[in-house]
């Protein structure tokens, strides 16, 4: 997934879940890992990091 898509997913996830968005992305990553889909899990980990970054920027 490219950086633009990651940012878009992170923003949408944050709008939908608020402060729980990072945890939701982590849950989705774990689910992908359990299914053996490493590439999708990596994408969700990137979304998780983007949510964390965005959330930090919003709190300043």
PDB file of N, CA and C in Angstrom:
ATOM      1  N   UNK A   1       0.863  -1.168   0.000  1.00  0.00           N
ATOM      2  CA  UNK A   1       0.000   0.000   0.000  1.00  0.00           C
ATOM      3  C   UNK A   1       0.911   1.232   0.000  1.00  0.00           C
ATOM      4  N   UNK A   2       0.575   2.212  -0.822  1.00  0.00           N
ATOM      5  CA  UNK A   2       1.417   3.399  -0.884  1.00  0.00           C
ATOM      6  C   UNK A   2       1.108   4.355   0.271  1.00  0.00           C
ATOM      7  N   UNK A   3       1.979   5.330   0.452  1.00  0.00           N
ATOM      8  CA  UNK A   3       1.882   6.253   1.586  1.00  0.00           C
ATOM      9  C   UNK A   3       0.575   7.041   1.591  1.00  0.00           C
ATOM     10  N   UNK A   4       0.090   7.400   0.431  1.00  0.00           N
ATOM     11  CA  UNK A   4      -1.162   8.163   0.360  1.00  0.00           C
ATOM     12  C   UNK A   4      -2.329   7.321   0.853  1.00  0.00           C
ATOM     13  N   UNK A   5      -2.394   6.069   0.410  1.00  0.00           N
ATOM     14  CA  UNK A   5      -3.468   5.179   0.862  1.00  0.00           C
ATOM     15  C   UNK A   5      -3.382   4.937   2.371  1.00  0.00           C
ATOM     16  N   UNK A   6      -2.184   4.760   2.874  1.00  0.00           N
ATOM     17  CA  UNK A   6      -2.000   4.546   4.313  1.00  0.00           C
ATOM     18  C   UNK A   6      -2.553   5.738   5.081  1.00  0.00           C
ATOM     19  N   UNK A   7      -2.214   6.942   4.635  1.00  0.00           N
ATOM     20  CA  UNK A   7      -2.703   8.154   5.292  1.00  0.00           C
ATOM     21  C   UNK A   7      -4.217   8.247   5.215  1.00  0.00           C
ATOM     22  N   UNK A   8      -4.785   7.926   4.062  1.00  0.00           N
ATOM     23  CA  UNK A   8      -6.237   7.964   3.903  1.00  0.00           C
ATOM     24  C   UNK A   8      -6.920   6.963   4.827  1.00  0.00           C
ATOM     25  N   UNK A   9      -6.383   5.738   4.899  1.00  0.00           N
ATOM     26  CA  UNK A   9      -6.945   4.726   5.798  1.00  0.00           C
ATOM     27  C   UNK A   9      -6.841   5.182   7.248  1.00  0.00           C
ATOM     28  N   UNK A  10      -5.696   5.747   7.610  1.00  0.00           N
ATOM     29  CA  UNK A  10      -5.496   6.208   8.987  1.00  0.00           C
ATOM     30  C   UNK A  10      -6.496   7.304   9.348  1.00  0.00           C
ATOM     31  N   UNK A  11      -6.701   8.235   8.445  1.00  0.00           N
ATOM     32  CA  UNK A  11      -7.658   9.318   8.703  1.00  0.00           C
ATOM     33  C   UNK A  11      -9.076   8.778   8.830  1.00  0.00           C
ATOM     34  N   UNK A  12      -9.453   7.878   7.939  1.00  0.00           N
ATOM     35  CA  UNK A  12     -10.795   7.301   7.993  1.00  0.00           C
ATOM     36  C   UNK A  12     -10.992   6.494   9.276  1.00  0.00           C
ATOM     37  N   UNK A  13      -9.980   5.744   9.650  1.00  0.00           N
ATOM     38  CA  UNK A  13     -10.059   4.940  10.871  1.00  0.00           C
ATOM     39  C   UNK A  13     -10.194   5.841  12.097  1.00  0.00           C
ATOM     40  N   UNK A  14      -9.452   6.944  12.102  1.00  0.00           N
ATOM     41  CA  UNK A  14      -9.526   7.876  13.226  1.00  0.00           C
ATOM     42  C   UNK A  14     -10.893   8.548  13.291  1.00  0.00           C
ATOM     43  N   UNK A  15     -11.441   8.904  12.131  1.00  0.00           N
ATOM     44  CA  UNK A  15     -12.785   9.503  12.117  1.00  0.00           C
ATOM     45  C   UNK A  15     -13.823   8.513  12.643  1.00  0.00           C
ATOM     46  N   UNK A  16     -13.658   7.246  12.280  1.00  0.00           N
ATOM     47  CA  UNK A  16     -14.636   6.225  12.672  1.00  0.00           C
ATOM     48  C   UNK A  16     -14.489   5.785  14.128  1.00  0.00           C
ATOM     49  N   UNK A  17     -13.244   5.718  14.624  1.00  0.00           N
ATOM     50  CA  UNK A  17     -13.002   5.124  15.936  1.00  0.00           C
ATOM     51  C   UNK A  17     -12.393   6.073  16.962  1.00  0.00           C
ATOM     52  N   UNK A  18     -12.040   7.269  16.558  1.00  0.00           N
ATOM     53  CA  UNK A  18     -11.464   8.232  17.499  1.00  0.00           C
ATOM     54  C   UNK A  18     -10.204   7.675  18.145  1.00  0.00           C
ATOM     55  N   UNK A  19     -10.109   7.823  19.444  1.00  0.00           N
ATOM     56  CA  UNK A  19      -8.913   7.392  20.179  1.00  0.00           C
ATOM     57  C   UNK A  19      -8.677   5.890  20.133  1.00  0.00           C
ATOM     58  N   UNK A  20      -9.654   5.124  19.712  1.00  0.00           N
ATOM     59  CA  UNK A  20      -9.509   3.669  19.613  1.00  0.00           C
ATOM     60  C   UNK A  20      -8.971   3.235  18.244  1.00  0.00           C
ATOM     61  N   UNK A  21      -8.702   4.177  17.354  1.00  0.00           N
ATOM     62  CA  UNK A  21      -8.277   3.855  15.990  1.00  0.00           C
ATOM     63  C   UNK A  21      -6.970   3.078  15.959  1.00  0.00           C
ATOM     64  N   UNK A  22      -6.014   3.473  16.775  1.00  0.00           N
ATOM     65  CA  UNK A  22      -4.730   2.767  16.779  1.00  0.00           C
ATOM     66  C   UNK A  22      -4.910   1.315  17.224  1.00  0.00           C
ATOM     67  N   UNK A  23      -5.708   1.105  18.242  1.00  0.00           N
ATOM     68  CA  UNK A  23      -5.980  -0.251  18.718  1.00  0.00           C
ATOM     69  C   UNK A  23      -6.727  -1.064  17.660  1.00  0.00           C
ATOM     70  N   UNK A  24      -7.619  -0.421  16.939  1.00  0.00           N
ATOM     71  CA  UNK A  24      -8.367  -1.107  15.875  1.00  0.00           C
ATOM     72  C   UNK A  24      -7.426  -1.542  14.750  1.00  0.00           C
ATOM     73  N   UNK A  25      -6.498  -0.680  14.378  1.00  0.00           N
ATOM     74  CA  UNK A  25      -5.526  -1.043  13.345  1.00  0.00           C
ATOM     75  C   UNK A  25      -4.659  -2.204  13.821  1.00  0.00           C
ATOM     76  N   UNK A  26      -4.272  -2.197  15.091  1.00  0.00           N
ATOM     77  CA  UNK A  26      -3.474  -3.295  15.651  1.00  0.00           C
ATOM     78  C   UNK A  26      -4.270  -4.599  15.634  1.00  0.00           C
ATOM     79  N   UNK A  27      -5.554  -4.513  15.951  1.00  0.00           N
ATOM     80  CA  UNK A  27      -6.416  -5.703  15.932  1.00  0.00           C
ATOM     81  C   UNK A  27      -6.507  -6.281  14.524  1.00  0.00           C
ATOM     82  N   UNK A  28      -6.669  -5.408  13.548  1.00  0.00           N
ATOM     83  CA  UNK A  28      -6.750  -5.862  12.156  1.00  0.00           C
ATOM     84  C   UNK A  28      -5.423  -6.490  11.718  1.00  0.00           C
ATOM     85  N   UNK A  29      -4.307  -5.914  12.145  1.00  0.00           N
ATOM     86  CA  UNK A  29      -2.990  -6.468  11.801  1.00  0.00           C
ATOM     87  C   UNK A  29      -2.830  -7.862  12.400  1.00  0.00           C
ATOM     88  N   UNK A  30      -3.220  -8.021  13.659  1.00  0.00           N
ATOM     89  CA  UNK A  30      -3.131  -9.339  14.303  1.00  0.00           C
ATOM     90  C   UNK A  30      -3.996 -10.362  13.579  1.00  0.00           C
ATOM     91  N   UNK A  31      -5.193  -9.941  13.183  1.00  0.00           N
ATOM     92  CA  UNK A  31      -6.081 -10.844  12.464  1.00  0.00           C
ATOM     93  C   UNK A  31      -5.462 -11.306  11.152  1.00  0.00           C
ATOM     94  N   UNK A  32      -4.825 -10.409  10.451  1.00  0.00           N
ATOM     95  CA  UNK A  32      -4.154 -10.770   9.194  1.00  0.00           C
ATOM     96  C   UNK A  32      -2.988 -11.714   9.459  1.00  0.00           C
ATOM     97  N   UNK A  33      -2.234 -11.435  10.518  1.00  0.00           N
ATOM     98  CA  UNK A  33      -1.109 -12.304  10.866  1.00  0.00           C
ATOM     99  C   UNK A  33      -1.587 -13.712  11.188  1.00  0.00           C
ATOM    100  N   UNK A  34      -2.690 -13.804  11.922  1.00  0.00           N
ATOM    101  CA  UNK A  34      -3.236 -15.117  12.276  1.00  0.00           C
ATOM    102  C   UNK A  34      -3.697 -15.897  11.046  1.00  0.00           C
ATOM    103  N   UNK A  35      -4.128 -15.171  10.026  1.00  0.00           N
ATOM    104  CA  UNK A  35      -4.554 -15.811   8.778  1.00  0.00           C
ATOM    105  C   UNK A  35      -3.373 -16.096   7.855  1.00  0.00           C
ATOM    106  N   UNK A  36      -2.189 -15.640   8.245  1.00  0.00           N
ATOM    107  CA  UNK A  36      -1.006 -15.869   7.428  1.00  0.00           C
ATOM    108  C   UNK A  36      -0.810 -14.844   6.320  1.00  0.00           C
ATOM    109  N   UNK A  37      -1.524 -13.741   6.387  1.00  0.00           N
ATOM    110  CA  UNK A  37      -1.418 -12.699   5.366  1.00  0.00           C
ATOM    111  C   UNK A  37      -0.461 -11.613   5.848  1.00  0.00           C
ATOM    112  N   UNK A  38       0.828 -11.876   5.702  1.00  0.00           N
ATOM    113  CA  UNK A  38       1.861 -10.976   6.210  1.00  0.00           C
ATOM    114  C   UNK A  38       1.842  -9.618   5.516  1.00  0.00           C
ATOM    115  N   UNK A  39       1.576  -9.594   4.227  1.00  0.00           N
ATOM    116  CA  UNK A  39       1.575  -8.326   3.497  1.00  0.00           C
ATOM    117  C   UNK A  39       0.457  -7.406   3.993  1.00  0.00           C
ATOM    118  N   UNK A  40      -0.724  -7.968   4.179  1.00  0.00           N
ATOM    119  CA  UNK A  40      -1.850  -7.172   4.678  1.00  0.00           C
ATOM    120  C   UNK A  40      -1.590  -6.724   6.113  1.00  0.00           C
ATOM    121  N   UNK A  41      -0.992  -7.593   6.920  1.00  0.00           N
ATOM    122  CA  UNK A  41      -0.655  -7.230   8.296  1.00  0.00           C
ATOM    123  C   UNK A  41       0.332  -6.068   8.311  1.00  0.00           C
ATOM    124  N   UNK A  42       1.294  -6.108   7.411  1.00  0.00           N
ATOM    125  CA  UNK A  42       2.275  -5.022   7.325  1.00  0.00           C
ATOM    126  C   UNK A  42       1.580  -3.706   6.964  1.00  0.00           C
ATOM    127  N   UNK A  43       0.616  -3.761   6.063  1.00  0.00           N
ATOM    128  CA  UNK A  43      -0.142  -2.560   5.710  1.00  0.00           C
ATOM    129  C   UNK A  43      -0.871  -2.000   6.930  1.00  0.00           C
ATOM    130  N   UNK A  44      -1.503  -2.882   7.705  1.00  0.00           N
ATOM    131  CA  UNK A  44      -2.232  -2.423   8.890  1.00  0.00           C
ATOM    132  C   UNK A  44      -1.286  -1.876   9.948  1.00  0.00           C
ATOM    133  N   UNK A  45      -0.080  -2.424  10.051  1.00  0.00           N
ATOM    134  CA  UNK A  45       0.915  -1.876  10.988  1.00  0.00           C
ATOM    135  C   UNK A  45       1.322  -0.471  10.547  1.00  0.00           C
ATOM    136  N   UNK A  46       1.425  -0.256   9.238  1.00  0.00           N
ATOM    137  CA  UNK A  46       1.740   1.078   8.723  1.00  0.00           C
ATOM    138  C   UNK A  46       0.589   2.046   9.019  1.00  0.00           C
ATOM    139  N   UNK A  47      -0.646   1.578   8.875  1.00  0.00           N
ATOM    140  CA  UNK A  47      -1.806   2.405   9.207  1.00  0.00           C
ATOM    141  C   UNK A  47      -1.787   2.726  10.695  1.00  0.00           C
ATOM    142  N   UNK A  48      -1.477   1.744  11.512  1.00  0.00           N
ATOM    143  CA  UNK A  48      -1.393   1.954  12.961  1.00  0.00           C
ATOM    144  C   UNK A  48      -0.372   3.045  13.283  1.00  0.00           C
ATOM    145  N   UNK A  49       0.788   2.993  12.675  1.00  0.00           N
ATOM    146  CA  UNK A  49       1.820   4.001  12.900  1.00  0.00           C
ATOM    147  C   UNK A  49       1.354   5.380  12.429  1.00  0.00           C
ATOM    148  N   UNK A  50       0.636   5.420  11.314  1.00  0.00           N
ATOM    149  CA  UNK A  50       0.133   6.692  10.801  1.00  0.00           C
ATOM    150  C   UNK A  50      -0.920   7.283  11.744  1.00  0.00           C
ATOM    151  N   UNK A  51      -1.770   6.440  12.296  1.00  0.00           N
ATOM    152  CA  UNK A  51      -2.764   6.911  13.271  1.00  0.00           C
ATOM    153  C   UNK A  51      -2.051   7.490  14.484  1.00  0.00           C
ATOM    154  N   UNK A  52      -1.041   6.778  14.962  1.00  0.00           N
ATOM    155  CA  UNK A  52      -0.276   7.247  16.130  1.00  0.00           C
ATOM    156  C   UNK A  52       0.347   8.608  15.829  1.00  0.00           C
ATOM    157  N   UNK A  53       0.900   8.755  14.646  1.00  0.00           N
ATOM    158  CA  UNK A  53       1.529  10.013  14.246  1.00  0.00           C
ATOM    159  C   UNK A  53       0.507  11.132  14.151  1.00  0.00           C
ATOM    160  N   UNK A  54      -0.629  10.854  13.535  1.00  0.00           N
ATOM    161  CA  UNK A  54      -1.672  11.859  13.389  1.00  0.00           C
ATOM    162  C   UNK A  54      -2.240  12.248  14.749  1.00  0.00           C
ATOM    163  N   UNK A  55      -2.450  11.272  15.580  1.00  0.00           N
ATOM    164  CA  UNK A  55      -3.009  11.540  16.902  1.00  0.00           C
ATOM    165  C   UNK A  55      -2.069  12.427  17.699  1.00  0.00           C
ATOM    166  N   UNK A  56      -0.777  12.142  17.608  1.00  0.00           N
ATOM    167  CA  UNK A  56       0.217  12.960  18.290  1.00  0.00           C
ATOM    168  C   UNK A  56       0.199  14.382  17.790  1.00  0.00           C
ATOM    169  N   UNK A  57       0.031  14.573  16.488  1.00  0.00           N
ATOM    170  CA  UNK A  57      -0.024  15.913  15.915  1.00  0.00           C
ATOM    171  C   UNK A  57      -1.279  16.652  16.379  1.00  0.00           C
ATOM    172  N   UNK A  58      -2.379  15.934  16.545  1.00  0.00           N
ATOM    173  CA  UNK A  58      -3.625  16.555  16.982  1.00  0.00           C
ATOM    174  C   UNK A  58      -3.574  16.959  18.455  1.00  0.00           C
ATOM    175  N   UNK A  59      -2.756  16.298  19.253  1.00  0.00           N
ATOM    176  CA  UNK A  59      -2.712  16.557  20.684  1.00  0.00           C
ATOM    177  C   UNK A  59      -1.816  17.725  21.036  1.00  0.00           C
ATOM    178  N   UNK A  60      -1.033  18.205  20.099  1.00  0.00           N
ATOM    179  CA  UNK A  60      -0.102  19.307  20.391  1.00  0.00           C
ATOM    180  C   UNK A  60      -0.777  20.648  20.333  1.00  0.00           C
TER     181      UNK A  60
END
